Amino acid sequence: MPYFIAGLKIAGGLSLIGAVVAEFTAGAAGKETGLASRILEASFRTEIPKMFAALVLVSLTGIMIYLVFMGVSKLVLGKWHEREIKSSQ
């Protein structure tokens, strides 16, 4: 079980990276585009503050995904796995 949850923490961040890179390369059609399209659009128009704002939002999303899985890890493994017991003391 600890290995599964560790894999979820890693996969959560990598899935966000994969989504952003896929949107960079393939693009998104329509009006409802994601943050990666906003980053590209801002860089083409040299709107540096908008580009960095979208980059910060993507970074915060990755951090939130990691923290959610960290909370799941503490909830599921809290009193069962040795590492979680040591980190809570």
Protein backbone atom coordinates (compact mmCIF):
# COMPACT_ATOMS: atom_id res chain seq x y z
CA MET A 1 0.00 0.00 0.00
CA PRO A 2 2.77 2.58 0.72
CA TYR A 3 4.26 1.98 -2.73
CA PHE A 4 0.87 2.52 -4.37
CA ILE A 5 0.38 5.85 -2.62
CA ALA A 6 3.93 6.94 -3.45
CA GLY A 7 3.16 6.12 -7.06
CA LEU A 8 0.01 8.25 -6.90
CA LYS A 9 2.02 11.23 -5.64
CA ILE A 10 4.46 10.89 -8.54
CA ALA A 11 1.77 10.17 -11.14
CA GLY A 12 -0.27 13.20 -10.07
CA GLY A 13 2.53 15.61 -10.91
CA LEU A 14 3.52 13.80 -14.07
CA SER A 15 -0.06 13.81 -15.34
CA LEU A 16 -0.17 17.59 -14.97
CA ILE A 17 3.12 17.89 -16.87
CA GLY A 18 1.74 15.59 -19.56
CA ALA A 19 -1.43 17.63 -19.91
CA VAL A 20 0.48 20.91 -20.25
CA VAL A 21 2.96 19.49 -22.77
CA ALA A 22 0.14 17.91 -24.80
CA GLU A 23 -1.63 21.25 -24.93
CA PHE A 24 1.61 22.95 -25.98
CA THR A 25 2.18 20.57 -28.87
CA ALA A 26 -1.32 19.66 -30.04
CA GLY A 27 -3.09 22.83 -29.03
CA ALA A 28 -6.65 23.13 -27.91
CA ALA A 29 -9.47 24.04 -30.25
CA GLY A 30 -12.35 26.22 -29.20
CA LYS A 31 -12.96 28.98 -26.70
CA GLU A 32 -12.34 26.91 -23.55
CA THR A 33 -8.56 26.54 -23.65
CA GLY A 34 -6.29 25.66 -20.74
CA LEU A 35 -3.43 27.40 -19.00
CA ALA A 36 -0.83 26.06 -21.44
CA SER A 37 -2.58 27.81 -24.30
CA ARG A 38 -2.67 30.98 -22.22
CA ILE A 39 1.09 30.71 -21.66
CA LEU A 40 1.73 30.31 -25.39
CA GLU A 41 -0.65 33.10 -26.31
CA ALA A 42 0.93 35.47 -23.80
CA SER A 43 4.43 34.63 -25.03
CA PHE A 44 3.44 35.30 -28.65
CA ARG A 45 2.00 38.68 -27.64
CA THR A 46 4.90 39.39 -25.25
CA GLU A 47 2.57 39.77 -22.27
CA ILE A 48 5.12 38.66 -19.70
CA PRO A 49 3.00 39.22 -16.53
CA LYS A 50 0.12 37.19 -17.97
CA MET A 51 2.53 34.43 -18.99
CA PHE A 52 4.08 34.20 -15.53
CA ALA A 53 0.66 34.35 -13.85
CA ALA A 54 -0.44 31.29 -15.84
CA LEU A 55 2.86 29.57 -15.02
CA VAL A 56 2.37 30.25 -11.31
CA LEU A 57 -1.16 28.83 -11.50
CA VAL A 58 0.13 25.65 -13.16
CA SER A 59 2.80 25.34 -10.47
CA LEU A 60 0.28 25.85 -7.67
CA THR A 61 -1.98 23.23 -9.23
CA GLY A 62 0.91 20.74 -9.18
CA ILE A 63 1.67 21.55 -5.56
CA MET A 64 -2.00 21.12 -4.63
CA ILE A 65 -2.15 17.73 -6.36
CA TYR A 66 0.91 16.61 -4.38
CA LEU A 67 -0.50 17.91 -1.09
CA VAL A 68 -3.81 16.15 -1.68
CA PHE A 69 -2.05 12.84 -2.19
CA MET A 70 0.15 13.55 0.84
CA GLY A 71 -3.01 14.00 2.89
CA VAL A 72 -4.43 10.76 1.49
CA SER A 73 -1.17 9.06 2.45
CA LYS A 74 -1.40 10.30 6.05
CA LEU A 75 -5.08 9.36 6.23
CA VAL A 76 -4.66 5.85 4.87
CA LEU A 77 -1.26 4.97 6.34
CA GLY A 78 -1.40 7.13 9.48
CA LYS A 79 -1.32 4.44 12.18
CA TRP A 80 -0.22 1.56 10.02
CA HIS A 81 3.07 2.39 8.29
CA GLU A 82 6.27 3.07 10.23
CA ARG A 83 7.30 6.13 8.22
CA GLU A 84 4.00 7.90 8.85
CA ILE A 85 4.17 7.16 12.57
CA LYS A 86 7.68 8.68 12.82
CA SER A 87 6.77 11.81 10.82
CA SER A 88 3.79 12.61 13.06
CA GLN A 89 5.84 12.53 16.32
